[in-house]
Amino acid sequence: MARPSTPEFAHALAYLRDDGSGRHPSSAAPWLWAATRKGDTAANIVLADLYIRGDGVPQNCAQGRVLLLAASQKGNEEATRKLQEFDAGGCAGAAP
């Protein structure tokens, strides 16, 4: 995972780590949105993954794709790769 470029992204990552008290993706989501609004494309990718899997947020594959597309359009190569995988396989990371 990329090094956080905003304090908001760093805060979100702290909620996503399991430091013994468990992961808290629902608490991370608002911080990821804040980082995304500041242009942090790595936050877009992490947030997209949460939406695609329905991890801490309601599953929404369309929202995940939009987030990946936005990061890809800003030149994030990882987002471009994940978007291509998404487009080829659909919402394969989705919960059953």
Protein backbone atom coordinates (compact mmCIF):
# COMPACT_ATOMS: atom_id res chain seq x y z
CA MET A 1 0.00 0.00 0.00
CA ALA A 2 1.21 3.49 -0.78
CA ARG A 3 2.59 5.79 1.84
CA PRO A 4 -0.14 8.16 3.07
CA SER A 5 0.06 11.54 1.39
CA THR A 6 -2.54 13.22 3.59
CA PRO A 7 -3.16 13.13 7.35
CA GLU A 8 -6.69 11.94 6.58
CA PHE A 9 -5.39 8.91 4.71
CA ALA A 10 -2.98 8.10 7.54
CA HIS A 11 -5.86 8.31 10.01
CA ALA A 12 -7.96 5.97 7.86
CA LEU A 13 -5.14 3.44 7.63
CA ALA A 14 -4.93 3.34 11.42
CA TYR A 15 -8.58 2.21 11.49
CA LEU A 16 -7.90 -0.43 8.85
CA ARG A 17 -4.97 -2.03 10.70
CA ASP A 18 -5.71 -4.77 13.17
CA ASP A 19 -3.68 -3.65 16.16
CA GLY A 20 -5.29 -6.12 18.51
CA SER A 21 -8.52 -4.18 18.92
CA GLY A 22 -9.74 -5.19 15.45
CA ARG A 23 -10.20 -3.38 12.17
CA HIS A 24 -12.76 -0.60 11.92
CA PRO A 25 -13.43 0.00 8.20
CA SER A 26 -16.68 1.86 8.87
CA SER A 27 -14.67 4.42 10.86
CA ALA A 28 -12.04 4.59 8.13
CA ALA A 29 -14.51 5.40 5.34
CA PRO A 30 -15.18 9.07 6.27
CA TRP A 31 -11.43 9.69 6.55
CA LEU A 32 -10.87 8.06 3.15
CA TRP A 33 -13.53 10.29 1.63
CA ALA A 34 -11.80 13.33 3.14
CA ALA A 35 -8.45 12.22 1.68
CA THR A 36 -10.10 11.57 -1.69
CA ARG A 37 -11.53 15.10 -1.72
CA LYS A 38 -7.96 16.36 -1.22
CA GLY A 39 -6.84 14.44 -4.32
CA ASP A 40 -5.21 11.44 -2.61
CA THR A 41 -5.59 8.77 -5.30
CA ALA A 42 -4.25 6.03 -3.01
CA ALA A 43 -7.21 6.75 -0.74
CA ASN A 44 -9.50 6.33 -3.77
CA ILE A 45 -8.15 2.83 -4.29
CA VAL A 46 -8.57 1.76 -0.67
CA LEU A 47 -12.07 3.24 -0.53
CA ALA A 48 -13.00 1.56 -3.83
CA ASP A 49 -11.90 -1.77 -2.40
CA LEU A 50 -14.12 -1.26 0.66
CA TYR A 51 -17.13 -0.54 -1.56
CA ILE A 52 -16.46 -3.44 -3.91
CA ARG A 53 -16.20 -5.87 -0.99
CA GLY A 54 -18.87 -4.23 1.17
CA ASP A 55 -16.33 -3.95 3.99
CA GLY A 56 -17.53 -1.36 6.50
CA VAL A 57 -19.71 0.36 3.91
CA PRO A 58 -22.72 -0.88 1.95
CA GLN A 59 -21.52 -2.89 -1.01
CA ASN A 60 -21.69 -0.69 -4.10
CA CYS A 61 -19.65 -1.91 -7.05
CA ALA A 62 -20.62 1.10 -9.17
CA GLN A 63 -19.21 3.45 -6.51
CA GLY A 64 -16.04 1.37 -6.36
CA ARG A 65 -15.62 1.65 -10.11
CA VAL A 66 -16.17 5.43 -10.07
CA LEU A 67 -13.47 5.80 -7.41
CA LEU A 68 -11.02 3.69 -9.41
CA LEU A 69 -11.83 5.62 -12.58
CA ALA A 70 -11.22 8.97 -10.86
CA ALA A 71 -7.82 7.83 -9.57
CA SER A 72 -6.93 6.33 -12.95
CA GLN A 73 -7.79 9.59 -14.71
CA LYS A 74 -5.36 11.35 -12.35
CA GLY A 75 -2.57 9.03 -13.51
CA ASN A 76 -2.53 6.45 -10.72
CA GLU A 77 -1.20 3.30 -12.39
CA GLU A 78 -2.44 0.96 -9.66
CA ALA A 79 -5.95 2.37 -10.09
CA THR A 80 -5.70 1.85 -13.85
CA ARG A 81 -4.68 -1.78 -13.34
CA LYS A 82 -7.47 -2.40 -10.80
CA LEU A 83 -10.01 -0.71 -13.08
CA GLN A 84 -8.97 -2.99 -15.97
CA GLU A 85 -9.32 -6.02 -13.69
CA PHE A 86 -12.72 -4.77 -12.51
CA ASP A 87 -13.91 -4.21 -16.08
CA ALA A 88 -12.70 -7.66 -17.13
CA GLY A 89 -14.14 -9.55 -14.17
CA GLY A 90 -16.95 -7.41 -12.87
CA CYS A 91 -17.44 -7.17 -9.18
CA ALA A 92 -15.40 -10.30 -8.49
CA GLY A 93 -14.24 -9.03 -5.09
CA ALA A 94 -17.82 -8.79 -3.91
CA ALA A 95 -19.06 -10.66 -0.90
CA PRO A 96 -21.27 -13.63 -1.76
